[in-house]
Amino acid sequence: AKQLSAKEILELKDIEQRYIALKILGAERLLNELNAELISETKRGNQLYSIKNILKDKDLKLLKYKCPSTAREYVKFVPNDMINADIAQAWCFSLIEEEYKQILIET
């Protein structure tokens, strides 16, 4: 079976196929193949990457983070205007940064 490149995977129209292919590819390989640039890394281990040359006139932003309960690494697309990894993680939880910080302090 032919192995797809990260760019070919991102171009898949079917969301389920794309999700499975990205899971098999893995976060590190995806970021490496796409020449992702680390733009923000926080004390909590969240990392925000910018990827050029996928979308015309826009950079893609990917957040790499670990699940606190399973320690599994995940990568998630976040809005293109994100510049801080913790703010991007807060956005993923539908929180503002202050709410996100408060949750982490209380746990």
Protein backbone atom coordinates (compact mmCIF):
# COMPACT_ATOMS: atom_id res chain seq x y z
CA ALA A 1 0.00 0.00 0.00
CA LYS A 2 1.26 3.45 -0.91
CA GLN A 3 1.97 5.68 2.07
CA LEU A 4 0.54 9.17 1.71
CA SER A 5 2.55 12.28 2.43
CA ALA A 6 1.35 14.76 5.04
CA LYS A 7 0.30 17.18 2.29
CA GLU A 8 -1.69 14.46 0.47
CA ILE A 9 -3.41 13.57 3.74
CA LEU A 10 -4.45 17.18 4.35
CA GLU A 11 -5.93 17.27 0.84
CA LEU A 12 -8.24 14.27 1.49
CA LYS A 13 -11.86 15.40 1.20
CA ASP A 14 -13.31 12.73 3.52
CA ILE A 15 -12.87 13.89 7.13
CA GLU A 16 -12.85 10.33 8.53
CA GLN A 17 -10.17 9.19 6.08
CA ARG A 18 -8.12 12.30 6.84
CA TYR A 19 -8.44 11.74 10.61
CA ILE A 20 -7.33 8.10 10.40
CA ALA A 21 -4.46 8.89 8.03
CA LEU A 22 -3.20 11.71 10.29
CA LYS A 23 -3.42 9.42 13.31
CA ILE A 24 -1.29 6.80 11.54
CA LEU A 25 1.19 9.42 10.31
CA GLY A 26 1.72 10.83 13.81
CA ALA A 27 2.18 14.35 15.10
CA GLU A 28 5.97 14.57 14.81
CA ARG A 29 6.11 13.29 11.25
CA LEU A 30 3.25 15.57 10.20
CA LEU A 31 5.02 18.62 11.64
CA ASN A 32 8.38 17.59 10.15
CA GLU A 33 7.05 16.85 6.66
CA LEU A 34 5.19 20.15 6.52
CA ASN A 35 8.23 22.13 7.75
CA ALA A 36 6.19 23.46 10.64
CA GLU A 37 7.70 26.40 12.49
CA LEU A 38 7.33 26.47 16.28
CA ILE A 39 5.95 29.91 17.15
CA SER A 40 4.92 29.44 20.79
CA GLU A 41 5.78 26.96 23.53
CA THR A 42 4.46 27.30 27.07
CA LYS A 43 5.38 25.99 30.52
CA ARG A 44 2.38 23.68 30.28
CA GLY A 45 3.91 21.89 27.29
CA ASN A 46 1.55 23.32 24.69
CA GLN A 47 3.24 24.03 21.36
CA LEU A 48 1.81 26.16 18.56
CA TYR A 49 3.14 25.68 15.04
CA SER A 50 2.71 27.65 11.83
CA ILE A 51 2.69 25.91 8.45
CA LYS A 52 3.11 27.78 5.19
CA ASN A 53 2.42 26.72 1.59
CA ILE A 54 -0.71 24.64 2.26
CA LEU A 55 -3.40 27.31 2.01
CA LYS A 56 -3.08 30.15 -0.46
CA ASP A 57 -2.30 33.45 1.32
CA LYS A 58 -2.71 31.92 4.83
CA ASP A 59 -0.64 30.02 7.31
CA LEU A 60 -2.16 26.97 8.97
CA LYS A 61 -1.84 26.87 12.75
CA LEU A 62 -1.51 23.57 14.58
CA LEU A 63 -1.54 23.10 18.33
CA LYS A 64 0.41 20.15 19.73
CA TYR A 65 -0.53 19.18 23.27
CA LYS A 66 -0.71 16.24 25.65
CA CYS A 67 -3.91 14.92 27.16
CA PRO A 68 -3.56 15.43 30.92
CA SER A 69 -5.18 12.09 31.77
CA THR A 70 -3.60 9.78 29.17
CA ALA A 71 -0.38 11.69 28.31
CA ARG A 72 -1.11 11.01 24.61
CA GLU A 73 0.08 13.65 22.16
CA TYR A 74 -2.44 15.30 19.90
CA VAL A 75 -2.33 17.87 17.13
CA LYS A 76 -5.30 20.10 16.43
CA PHE A 77 -5.92 22.85 13.89
CA VAL A 78 -6.68 26.21 15.50
CA PRO A 79 -7.64 29.59 14.00
CA ASN A 80 -4.97 31.25 11.86
CA ASP A 81 -4.79 34.32 14.09
CA MET A 82 -3.54 32.35 17.11
CA ILE A 83 -0.03 33.31 18.29
CA ASN A 84 0.09 31.82 21.81
CA ALA A 85 -0.14 28.09 22.55
CA ASP A 86 -2.05 28.47 25.85
CA ILE A 87 -4.59 30.79 24.25
CA ALA A 88 -5.00 28.24 21.44
CA GLN A 89 -5.54 25.48 24.02
CA ALA A 90 -8.08 27.65 25.86
CA TRP A 91 -9.89 28.18 22.53
CA CYS A 92 -10.07 24.39 22.09
CA PHE A 93 -11.98 24.21 25.40
CA SER A 94 -14.19 27.21 24.46
CA LEU A 95 -12.57 29.22 27.25
CA ILE A 96 -10.76 32.52 27.47
CA GLU A 97 -7.14 32.42 28.62
CA GLU A 98 -7.93 33.50 32.21
CA GLU A 99 -10.51 30.70 32.59
CA TYR A 100 -8.02 28.17 31.22
CA LYS A 101 -5.31 29.33 33.65
CA GLN A 102 -7.78 29.11 36.57
CA ILE A 103 -8.68 25.50 35.73
CA LEU A 104 -5.02 24.53 35.76
CA ILE A 105 -4.38 26.30 39.06
CA GLU A 106 -7.31 24.56 40.76
CA THR A 107 -6.36 21.03 39.63
